[in-house]
Amino acid sequence: MSDSLSPDEANGVADAVAFITSAASTLIAQQWGVRPPVVHKALSTPEAVAVTTTRYLLALGAGKSPAEAAGHVGRSLLADANQRAA
């Protein structure tokens, strides 16, 4: 078994991370009363995308379905944002 992702799997991960980032941006913006593009820009930096991707892959590796993994990572992003705002 290979440790690398096929091109189709890599695209699926990138799509999932983009969805997670977009959804989390909207929810965080609503909670904080700011515009979603401001939050999306912060969550779209290379470092933030790397963290989100890593969390997503770890959740998949832990046996979660893609939907469960996305939900888990999204909730983590919201919790992190709330903790930083407190």
C-alpha atoms as a PDB file:
ATOM      1  CA  MET A   1       0.000   0.000   0.000  1.00  0.00           C
ATOM      2  CA  SER A   2       1.310   3.438  -0.963  1.00  0.00           C
ATOM      3  CA  ASP A   3       1.550   6.357   1.436  1.00  0.00           C
ATOM      4  CA  SER A   4       0.813   8.854  -1.331  1.00  0.00           C
ATOM      5  CA  LEU A   5      -2.570   9.878  -2.652  1.00  0.00           C
ATOM      6  CA  SER A   6      -3.646   9.295  -6.223  1.00  0.00           C
ATOM      7  CA  PRO A   7      -4.396  12.468  -8.228  1.00  0.00           C
ATOM      8  CA  ASP A   8      -8.141  11.866  -7.815  1.00  0.00           C
ATOM      9  CA  GLU A   9      -7.782  11.427  -4.046  1.00  0.00           C
ATOM     10  CA  ALA A  10      -5.610  14.543  -3.780  1.00  0.00           C
ATOM     11  CA  ASN A  11      -8.226  16.567  -5.668  1.00  0.00           C
ATOM     12  CA  GLY A  12     -10.909  15.200  -3.348  1.00  0.00           C
ATOM     13  CA  VAL A  13      -8.922  16.290  -0.308  1.00  0.00           C
ATOM     14  CA  ALA A  14      -8.345  19.756  -1.797  1.00  0.00           C
ATOM     15  CA  ASP A  15     -12.074  20.068  -2.553  1.00  0.00           C
ATOM     16  CA  ALA A  16     -12.977  18.986   0.983  1.00  0.00           C
ATOM     17  CA  VAL A  17     -10.536  21.471   2.522  1.00  0.00           C
ATOM     18  CA  ALA A  18     -11.922  24.265   0.327  1.00  0.00           C
ATOM     19  CA  PHE A  19     -15.449  23.387   1.463  1.00  0.00           C
ATOM     20  CA  ILE A  20     -14.442  23.246   5.127  1.00  0.00           C
ATOM     21  CA  THR A  21     -12.667  26.604   4.842  1.00  0.00           C
ATOM     22  CA  SER A  22     -15.628  28.231   3.129  1.00  0.00           C
ATOM     23  CA  ALA A  23     -18.195  26.895   5.584  1.00  0.00           C
ATOM     24  CA  ALA A  24     -16.084  27.727   8.639  1.00  0.00           C
ATOM     25  CA  SER A  25     -15.414  31.238   7.282  1.00  0.00           C
ATOM     26  CA  THR A  26     -19.126  31.901   6.978  1.00  0.00           C
ATOM     27  CA  LEU A  27     -19.947  30.595  10.456  1.00  0.00           C
ATOM     28  CA  ILE A  28     -17.066  32.422  12.156  1.00  0.00           C
ATOM     29  CA  ALA A  29     -17.962  35.662  10.347  1.00  0.00           C
ATOM     30  CA  GLN A  30     -21.566  35.347  11.503  1.00  0.00           C
ATOM     31  CA  GLN A  31     -20.487  34.765  15.111  1.00  0.00           C
ATOM     32  CA  TRP A  32     -18.051  37.679  15.125  1.00  0.00           C
ATOM     33  CA  GLY A  33     -20.104  40.052  12.994  1.00  0.00           C
ATOM     34  CA  VAL A  34     -17.469  40.488  10.283  1.00  0.00           C
ATOM     35  CA  ARG A  35     -17.554  39.943   6.551  1.00  0.00           C
ATOM     36  CA  PRO A  36     -16.926  36.336   5.440  1.00  0.00           C
ATOM     37  CA  PRO A  37     -14.186  37.313   2.920  1.00  0.00           C
ATOM     38  CA  VAL A  38     -12.095  38.694   5.784  1.00  0.00           C
ATOM     39  CA  VAL A  39     -12.243  35.400   7.659  1.00  0.00           C
ATOM     40  CA  HIS A  40     -11.853  33.358   4.464  1.00  0.00           C
ATOM     41  CA  LYS A  41      -8.646  35.227   3.636  1.00  0.00           C
ATOM     42  CA  ALA A  42      -7.230  34.336   7.062  1.00  0.00           C
ATOM     43  CA  LEU A  43      -8.225  30.667   6.728  1.00  0.00           C
ATOM     44  CA  SER A  44      -6.830  30.481   3.190  1.00  0.00           C
ATOM     45  CA  THR A  45      -3.193  31.250   3.956  1.00  0.00           C
ATOM     46  CA  PRO A  46      -0.824  28.415   3.021  1.00  0.00           C
ATOM     47  CA  GLU A  47      -0.195  27.696   6.698  1.00  0.00           C
ATOM     48  CA  ALA A  48      -3.898  27.566   7.570  1.00  0.00           C
ATOM     49  CA  VAL A  49      -4.652  25.334   4.583  1.00  0.00           C
ATOM     50  CA  ALA A  50      -1.820  23.013   5.615  1.00  0.00           C
ATOM     51  CA  VAL A  51      -3.247  22.739   9.137  1.00  0.00           C
ATOM     52  CA  THR A  52      -6.782  22.145   7.866  1.00  0.00           C
ATOM     53  CA  THR A  53      -5.544  19.536   5.382  1.00  0.00           C
ATOM     54  CA  THR A  54      -3.541  17.749   8.063  1.00  0.00           C
ATOM     55  CA  ARG A  55      -6.499  17.696  10.454  1.00  0.00           C
ATOM     56  CA  TYR A  56      -8.747  16.352   7.695  1.00  0.00           C
ATOM     57  CA  LEU A  57      -6.306  13.595   6.723  1.00  0.00           C
ATOM     58  CA  LEU A  58      -5.808  12.619  10.366  1.00  0.00           C
ATOM     59  CA  ALA A  59      -9.564  12.386  10.861  1.00  0.00           C
ATOM     60  CA  LEU A  60      -9.843  10.185   7.779  1.00  0.00           C
ATOM     61  CA  GLY A  61      -6.952   8.074   9.057  1.00  0.00           C
ATOM     62  CA  ALA A  62      -8.790   7.650  12.347  1.00  0.00           C
ATOM     63  CA  GLY A  63     -11.594   5.917  10.471  1.00  0.00           C
ATOM     64  CA  LYS A  64     -14.042   8.784  10.020  1.00  0.00           C
ATOM     65  CA  SER A  65     -16.017   9.053   6.805  1.00  0.00           C
ATOM     66  CA  PRO A  66     -15.261  12.097   4.624  1.00  0.00           C
ATOM     67  CA  ALA A  67     -18.397  13.830   5.917  1.00  0.00           C
ATOM     68  CA  GLU A  68     -17.549  13.034   9.549  1.00  0.00           C
ATOM     69  CA  ALA A  69     -13.975  14.201   9.025  1.00  0.00           C
ATOM     70  CA  ALA A  70     -15.127  17.476   7.468  1.00  0.00           C
ATOM     71  CA  GLY A  71     -17.543  18.089  10.334  1.00  0.00           C
ATOM     72  CA  HIS A  72     -14.869  17.291  12.899  1.00  0.00           C
ATOM     73  CA  VAL A  73     -12.358  19.674  11.308  1.00  0.00           C
ATOM     74  CA  GLY A  74     -14.964  22.411  10.876  1.00  0.00           C
ATOM     75  CA  ARG A  75     -15.949  22.187  14.538  1.00  0.00           C
ATOM     76  CA  SER A  76     -12.264  22.329  15.492  1.00  0.00           C
ATOM     77  CA  LEU A  77     -11.794  25.506  13.451  1.00  0.00           C
ATOM     78  CA  LEU A  78     -14.806  27.104  15.128  1.00  0.00           C
ATOM     79  CA  ALA A  79     -13.597  26.089  18.580  1.00  0.00           C
ATOM     80  CA  ASP A  80     -10.122  27.469  17.856  1.00  0.00           C
ATOM     81  CA  ALA A  81     -11.584  30.755  16.630  1.00  0.00           C
ATOM     82  CA  ASN A  82     -13.796  31.090  19.697  1.00  0.00           C
ATOM     83  CA  GLN A  83     -10.905  30.311  22.011  1.00  0.00           C
ATOM     84  CA  ARG A  84      -8.704  32.948  20.369  1.00  0.00           C
ATOM     85  CA  ALA A  85     -11.486  35.517  20.575  1.00  0.00           C
ATOM     86  CA  ALA A  86     -12.074  34.915  24.289  1.00  0.00           C
END
